Protein backbone atom coordinates (compact mmCIF):
# COMPACT_ATOMS: atom_id res chain seq x y z
CA MET A 1 0.00 0.00 0.00
CA GLY A 2 1.29 3.47 -0.86
CA ASN A 3 3.73 2.46 -3.61
CA PRO A 4 6.77 4.72 -3.26
CA ARG A 5 6.78 5.30 -7.00
CA PHE A 6 3.65 7.42 -6.53
CA PHE A 7 3.19 8.11 -2.82
CA ARG A 8 5.65 9.93 -0.63
CA ARG A 9 6.13 8.24 2.75
CA SER A 10 7.22 9.69 6.09
CA GLY A 11 8.16 7.95 9.31
CA PRO A 12 8.81 5.59 10.95
CA PHE A 13 6.77 6.64 13.99
CA SER A 14 6.50 5.24 17.48
CA LEU A 15 3.31 3.52 18.61
CA ALA A 16 2.71 6.44 20.97
CA VAL A 17 2.75 8.92 18.08
CA VAL A 18 0.47 6.74 15.95
CA ALA A 19 -2.02 6.23 18.77
CA SER A 20 -2.03 9.96 19.52
CA THR A 21 -2.61 10.77 15.84
CA ALA A 22 -5.48 8.28 15.78
CA ARG A 23 -6.90 9.91 18.91
CA GLY A 24 -7.06 6.42 20.34
CA VAL A 25 -5.76 4.51 23.36
CA ALA A 26 -3.06 1.84 23.23
CA ASP A 27 -0.83 0.01 25.70
CA GLU A 28 2.56 1.55 26.35
CA VAL A 29 4.68 -0.72 24.18
CA GLU A 30 8.00 0.04 22.50
CA LEU A 31 7.07 -0.39 18.85
CA LEU A 32 8.27 1.46 15.77
CA LEU A 33 5.80 1.47 12.88
CA GLU A 34 6.82 2.08 9.27
CA GLY A 35 3.58 2.31 7.33
CA VAL A 36 -0.08 1.40 6.84
CA ALA A 37 -1.64 -1.59 5.09
CA PRO A 38 -4.89 -3.62 4.89
CA LEU A 39 -5.45 -6.37 7.43
CA GLN A 40 -4.80 -9.05 4.81
CA THR A 41 -1.31 -7.83 3.83
CA ALA A 42 -0.05 -5.82 6.83
CA GLY A 43 3.18 -6.95 8.45
CA PRO A 44 4.59 -6.60 11.98
CA LYS A 45 5.82 -3.06 11.36
CA GLU A 46 2.60 -1.75 9.84
CA VAL A 47 -0.69 -0.33 11.12
CA SER A 48 -4.07 -1.58 9.94
CA PHE A 49 -7.69 -1.04 10.95
CA LEU A 50 -11.14 -2.63 11.10
CA ASP A 51 -14.27 -0.54 10.72
CA ASN A 52 -16.70 -3.00 9.09
CA ARG A 53 -17.56 -6.19 10.98
CA ARG A 54 -17.92 -8.02 7.67
CA TYR A 55 -14.12 -8.19 7.57
CA ALA A 56 -13.70 -9.53 11.09
CA SER A 57 -12.29 -12.81 9.76
CA ALA A 58 -9.38 -10.87 8.25
CA LEU A 59 -8.73 -9.38 11.69
CA ASP A 60 -8.37 -12.88 13.14
CA GLN A 61 -5.61 -13.71 10.65
CA THR A 62 -3.76 -10.40 10.41
CA LEU A 63 -0.03 -10.07 11.01
CA ALA A 64 -0.20 -6.29 11.54
CA GLY A 65 1.90 -4.79 14.30
CA ALA A 66 -0.97 -2.55 15.41
CA VAL A 67 -4.67 -2.47 14.60
CA ILE A 68 -7.13 0.38 15.01
CA VAL A 69 -10.52 -0.94 16.15
CA HIS A 70 -13.73 0.01 17.93
CA PRO A 71 -13.89 -1.07 21.60
CA ASP A 72 -16.45 -3.73 20.63
CA MET A 73 -13.83 -5.52 18.49
CA ALA A 74 -10.80 -5.10 20.74
CA ALA A 75 -11.04 -8.64 22.12
CA ARG A 76 -10.66 -10.13 18.63
CA VAL A 77 -7.33 -8.47 17.86
CA PRO A 78 -4.59 -11.17 17.77
CA SER A 79 -2.27 -11.23 20.75
CA LYS A 80 0.78 -10.36 18.62
CA ALA A 81 -0.78 -7.08 17.52
CA VAL A 82 -1.14 -3.94 19.61
CA THR A 83 -4.71 -2.68 19.85
CA ILE A 84 -5.43 0.99 19.27
CA VAL A 85 -8.95 1.59 20.54
CA THR A 86 -11.14 4.43 19.32
CA ASN A 87 -14.85 5.03 18.84
CA GLU A 88 -14.20 6.20 15.28
CA PRO A 89 -11.86 3.68 13.60
CA TYR A 90 -12.28 4.98 10.06
CA ALA A 91 -11.57 8.59 11.03
CA ALA A 92 -8.57 7.37 13.00
CA TRP A 93 -7.35 5.44 9.96
CA ALA A 94 -7.64 8.59 7.83
CA ARG A 95 -5.47 10.52 10.27
CA VAL A 96 -2.86 7.77 10.55
CA ALA A 97 -2.68 7.21 6.79
CA ALA A 98 -2.12 10.96 6.35
CA LEU A 99 0.64 10.79 8.97
CA PHE A 100 2.58 8.25 6.91
CA HIS A 101 1.59 9.72 3.53
CA PRO A 102 1.27 13.50 3.92
CA VAL A 103 0.24 15.69 1.01
CA PRO A 104 3.46 16.97 -0.59
CA PRO A 105 3.98 20.66 0.12
CA PRO A 106 4.00 23.10 -2.79
CA SER A 107 7.30 24.01 -4.43
CA PRO A 108 7.17 27.80 -4.29
CA GLY A 109 7.66 29.59 -7.57
CA ILE A 110 6.21 30.19 -11.01
CA HIS A 111 7.15 27.80 -13.80
CA PRO A 112 8.87 29.55 -16.74
CA SER A 113 6.14 28.42 -19.14
CA ALA A 114 3.30 29.77 -17.02
CA PHE A 115 1.69 33.12 -17.81
CA VAL A 116 0.94 35.54 -15.00
CA ALA A 117 -0.71 38.73 -16.21
CA ASP A 118 0.14 42.18 -14.97
CA GLY A 119 -2.11 42.97 -12.06
CA ALA A 120 -2.35 39.36 -10.87
CA VAL A 121 -1.09 38.65 -7.36
CA VAL A 122 0.66 35.37 -6.59
CA ASP A 123 1.92 34.81 -3.05
CA PRO A 124 5.64 33.95 -3.02
CA SER A 125 4.91 30.68 -1.19
CA ALA A 126 2.55 29.45 -3.92
CA GLU A 127 3.42 27.05 -6.74
CA VAL A 128 2.25 27.84 -10.27
CA GLY A 129 2.66 24.88 -12.62
CA PRO A 130 3.72 24.71 -16.26
CA LEU A 131 1.51 26.28 -18.95
CA SER A 132 -0.96 27.60 -16.40
CA VAL A 133 -2.54 31.04 -16.84
CA ILE A 134 -3.25 33.57 -14.08
CA GLU A 135 -5.27 36.45 -15.51
CA THR A 136 -5.37 40.10 -14.49
CA GLY A 137 -6.79 40.78 -11.05
CA ALA A 138 -6.60 37.16 -9.88
CA GLU A 139 -5.17 36.49 -6.42
CA ILE A 140 -3.40 33.29 -5.41
CA GLY A 141 -3.00 32.87 -1.65
CA PRO A 142 -0.17 31.50 0.47
CA GLY A 143 0.71 27.82 0.17
CA CYS A 144 -1.41 27.21 -2.93
CA ARG A 145 -0.56 24.79 -5.70
CA ILE A 146 -1.81 25.60 -9.20
CA GLY A 147 -1.50 22.56 -11.47
CA PRO A 148 -0.35 22.35 -15.09
CA CYS A 149 -2.54 24.04 -17.71
CA ALA A 150 -4.94 25.47 -15.14
CA VAL A 151 -6.63 28.77 -16.00
CA ILE A 152 -7.42 31.19 -13.19
CA GLY A 153 -9.67 33.89 -14.62
CA GLY A 154 -9.56 37.60 -14.00
CA GLY A 155 -10.64 38.67 -10.52
CA VAL A 156 -10.72 35.12 -9.12
CA ILE A 157 -9.52 34.77 -5.53
CA VAL A 158 -7.96 31.50 -4.39
CA GLY A 159 -7.54 31.35 -0.60
CA ARG A 160 -4.59 29.95 1.30
CA ASP A 161 -3.44 26.32 1.00
CA CYS A 162 -5.69 25.47 -1.95
CA ARG A 163 -4.85 22.82 -4.54
CA ILE A 164 -6.03 23.45 -8.09
CA GLY A 165 -5.56 20.43 -10.35
CA ALA A 166 -4.39 20.13 -13.92
CA HIS A 167 -6.63 21.66 -16.61
CA VAL A 168 -9.00 23.24 -14.09
CA SER A 169 -10.68 26.47 -15.12
CA LEU A 170 -11.84 28.99 -12.52
CA SER A 171 -13.79 32.11 -13.43
CA TYR A 172 -16.09 34.49 -11.54
CA ALA A 173 -15.21 32.58 -8.37
CA LEU A 174 -14.04 33.20 -4.83
CA LEU A 175 -12.44 30.25 -3.05
CA GLY A 176 -11.83 30.00 0.68
CA ALA A 177 -8.98 28.20 2.42
CA ARG A 178 -7.93 24.58 1.82
CA VAL A 179 -10.19 24.07 -1.18
CA TYR A 180 -9.16 21.15 -3.39
CA VAL A 181 -10.31 21.26 -7.01
CA TYR A 182 -9.41 18.09 -8.87
CA PRO A 183 -8.29 17.87 -12.51
CA GLY A 184 -10.63 18.98 -15.26
CA ALA A 185 -13.21 20.72 -13.08
CA ARG A 186 -14.93 23.79 -14.51
CA ILE A 187 -16.07 26.40 -12.04
CA GLY A 188 -17.80 29.69 -12.81
CA GLN A 189 -18.89 29.19 -16.41
CA GLU A 190 -22.26 30.53 -17.57
CA GLY A 191 -25.34 28.75 -16.30
CA PHE A 192 -28.03 27.25 -18.51
CA GLY A 193 -30.22 30.34 -18.74
CA PHE A 194 -32.16 31.57 -21.75
CA ALA A 195 -35.50 33.12 -22.69
CA SER A 196 -37.71 31.58 -25.36
CA THR A 197 -38.94 33.98 -28.05
CA LYS A 198 -40.83 33.55 -31.30
CA ASP A 199 -37.51 33.94 -33.09
CA GLY A 200 -35.65 31.40 -30.97
CA PHE A 201 -33.67 31.47 -27.75
CA LEU A 202 -32.23 34.56 -26.13
CA SER A 203 -29.35 34.03 -23.71
CA VAL A 204 -29.79 35.62 -20.29
CA PRO A 205 -26.62 37.23 -18.90
CA GLN A 206 -25.31 35.27 -15.93
CA LEU A 207 -24.20 37.97 -13.51
CA GLY A 208 -23.54 36.03 -10.32
CA ARG A 209 -20.44 34.36 -8.93
CA VAL A 210 -19.42 31.02 -7.42
CA ILE A 211 -18.54 31.18 -3.74
CA ILE A 212 -16.73 28.12 -2.37
CA GLU A 213 -16.19 28.18 1.38
CA ASP A 214 -13.33 26.63 3.38
CA ASP A 215 -12.39 22.92 3.25
CA VAL A 216 -14.45 21.99 0.20
CA GLU A 217 -13.39 19.30 -2.29
CA VAL A 218 -14.57 19.43 -5.91
CA GLY A 219 -14.08 16.21 -7.88
CA ALA A 220 -12.55 15.70 -11.29
CA ASN A 221 -14.57 16.95 -14.27
CA THR A 222 -17.25 18.42 -12.03
CA THR A 223 -18.93 21.62 -13.22
CA ILE A 224 -20.30 24.43 -11.06
CA ASP A 225 -22.17 27.19 -12.90
CA ARG A 226 -21.98 30.75 -11.68
CA GLY A 227 -25.19 32.38 -10.53
CA SER A 228 -27.52 34.26 -12.81
CA SER A 229 -28.88 36.98 -10.52
CA GLN A 230 -27.38 35.71 -7.25
CA ASP A 231 -24.35 33.64 -6.29
CA THR A 232 -23.92 29.88 -6.47
CA LEU A 233 -22.68 28.81 -3.03
CA ILE A 234 -20.87 25.67 -1.89
CA GLY A 235 -20.85 25.48 1.91
CA ALA A 236 -17.84 24.81 4.10
CA GLY A 237 -16.65 21.20 4.37
CA SER A 238 -18.78 19.88 1.50
CA ARG A 239 -17.55 17.05 -0.73
CA LEU A 240 -18.44 16.87 -4.42
CA ASP A 241 -17.50 13.69 -6.25
CA ASN A 242 -16.35 13.44 -9.86
CA LEU A 243 -18.74 14.32 -12.70
CA VAL A 244 -21.22 16.35 -10.66
CA GLN A 245 -23.24 19.19 -12.23
CA ILE A 246 -24.27 22.13 -10.04
CA GLY A 247 -26.62 24.59 -11.76
CA HIS A 248 -26.74 28.35 -11.38
CA ASN A 249 -27.91 29.86 -8.07
CA VAL A 250 -27.71 26.51 -6.28
CA VAL A 251 -26.89 26.79 -2.58
CA LEU A 252 -25.24 23.92 -0.70
CA GLY A 253 -25.04 24.14 3.07
CA ARG A 254 -22.20 22.92 5.26
CA CYS A 255 -20.81 19.41 4.89
CA CYS A 256 -23.05 18.23 2.07
CA VAL A 257 -22.03 15.08 0.17
CA ILE A 258 -22.81 14.90 -3.55
CA VAL A 259 -21.88 11.60 -5.23
CA ALA A 260 -20.82 11.08 -8.85
CA GLN A 261 -23.09 11.96 -11.77
CA VAL A 262 -25.59 13.91 -9.69
CA GLY A 263 -27.28 16.85 -11.40
CA ILE A 264 -28.74 19.68 -9.30
CA SER A 265 -30.87 22.15 -11.24
CA GLY A 266 -30.78 25.89 -10.78
CA SER A 267 -31.86 27.71 -7.62
CA THR A 268 -32.24 24.56 -5.53
CA VAL A 269 -31.14 24.88 -1.90
CA LEU A 270 -29.61 22.04 0.11
CA GLU A 271 -29.39 22.73 3.81
CA ASP A 272 -26.51 21.47 5.99
CA PHE A 273 -25.45 17.79 5.96
CA VAL A 274 -27.58 16.70 3.00
CA ARG A 275 -26.39 13.56 1.16
CA VAL A 276 -27.20 12.83 -2.48
CA GLY A 277 -26.47 9.39 -3.99
CA GLY A 278 -24.95 8.74 -7.40
CA GLN A 279 -26.88 9.65 -10.56
CA ALA A 280 -29.70 11.34 -8.65
CA GLY A 281 -31.38 14.28 -10.37
CA LEU A 282 -32.90 17.25 -8.57
CA ALA A 283 -35.35 19.65 -10.20
CA GLY A 284 -34.91 23.39 -9.84
CA HIS A 285 -36.18 25.75 -7.13
CA LEU A 286 -36.43 23.03 -4.45
CA ARG A 287 -35.50 23.20 -0.78
CA ILE A 288 -33.92 20.11 0.76
CA GLY A 289 -34.01 20.07 4.56
CA ARG A 290 -31.05 19.60 6.85
CA GLY A 291 -29.71 16.04 7.00
CA ALA A 292 -31.96 14.69 4.25
CA GLU A 293 -30.71 11.68 2.25
CA ILE A 294 -31.50 11.19 -1.44
CA GLY A 295 -30.77 7.72 -2.75
CA ALA A 296 -28.87 6.75 -5.89
CA GLN A 297 -30.72 7.37 -9.19
CA ALA A 298 -33.56 9.14 -7.40
CA GLY A 299 -35.56 11.72 -9.32
CA LEU A 300 -36.57 14.50 -6.94
CA MET A 301 -39.25 16.99 -7.97
CA SER A 302 -40.51 18.38 -4.66
CA ASP A 303 -39.14 19.83 -1.42
CA LEU A 304 -37.89 17.53 1.35
CA ASP A 305 -38.31 17.90 5.09
CA PRO A 306 -35.24 17.80 7.33
CA GLY A 307 -33.99 14.24 7.86
CA ALA A 308 -36.13 12.74 5.09
CA LYS A 309 -34.83 9.65 3.27
CA VAL A 310 -36.07 9.06 -0.28
CA LEU A 311 -35.47 6.67 -3.17
CA GLY A 312 -36.83 6.05 -6.62
CA SER A 313 -38.09 8.12 -9.52
CA PRO A 314 -40.22 9.96 -8.70
CA ALA A 315 -38.55 10.02 -5.29
CA GLN A 316 -40.58 8.74 -2.37
CA PRO A 317 -39.94 7.78 1.26
CA LYS A 318 -37.46 4.95 1.63
CA LYS A 319 -39.90 2.62 3.43
CA ASP A 320 -42.59 3.14 0.77
CA PHE A 321 -40.10 2.43 -1.99
CA PHE A 322 -38.96 -0.90 -0.55
CA ARG A 323 -42.55 -1.88 0.27
CA GLN A 324 -43.51 -1.38 -3.38
CA ILE A 325 -40.51 -3.39 -4.58
CA ALA A 326 -41.44 -6.24 -2.22
CA THR A 327 -45.04 -6.17 -3.48
CA LEU A 328 -43.94 -6.29 -7.11
CA MET A 329 -41.67 -9.23 -6.42
CA LYS A 330 -44.53 -11.13 -4.76
CA LEU A 331 -46.81 -10.43 -7.73
CA ALA A 332 -44.14 -11.59 -10.15
CA LYS A 333 -43.73 -14.90 -8.27
CA LYS A 334 -47.49 -15.49 -8.25
CA LYS A 335 -47.61 -15.17 -12.05
CA GLU A 336 -44.95 -17.85 -12.35
């Protein structure tokens, strides 16, 4: 795990450091750990974890030097392994994996083939990759990394410690701190807005911006349209998967999760902690309540109350959906 050809490794680290990073509890044992690995392949100098009970049999056989587990599974950890106990094993694993494989820091400087226009501001600690373009009035904050062939449009602000991937285009956008935009994403282009006339379609000027708050991740080839008459907003801590489409004037609250191939139509509002499964489609001008969950391939055409869970197309409450499926299966068996 973490092939050195592609992934930089740090360490080794003592068990005490690893347990502290995991925010877990472990016995005071002198043990130096060199990396992370799955239960099935981990060796005596590596850390592993168990979060899903379905893989408990792999825990029984593991050769890992230390294992991160929930207190309920601590008794099953083999005697040769040190147990690191935490109530959140997966979060602990994320922290420990990042300890051994930290994100490489930027290499400050502007590549000779990059173009930085007069009037653009690039912090000296930022990295600007080859063939990238920083247009007039753009601002690149401290510790940022701008990937190859990225285009940062005029007036765009990129906050501190952001990572902008290869071939990304940013326009009419303001980004907060620690925003990660993965390769090929398009942010700030015109939304799908036009008036129908007897002579054809008349494009409506899209005069809003895209505001992306702190700690957001935007997946590869995702598109976020700028607002038409107000701003498109992506709330702090939200995660957008690859190939997501966010229409103009959409508002996402804090810590929303949008899975691949979701399309959210214009002016729809998602409150905090909403989750949307892959390939779901949301009509425009809806309001989705806090903590609602929209299942994969759902077609949503009406507002949702906070905490609602829906599936299907048209979307309906989760229990109703599965009840209908069960009924159809019974009818199909009767016909046989």
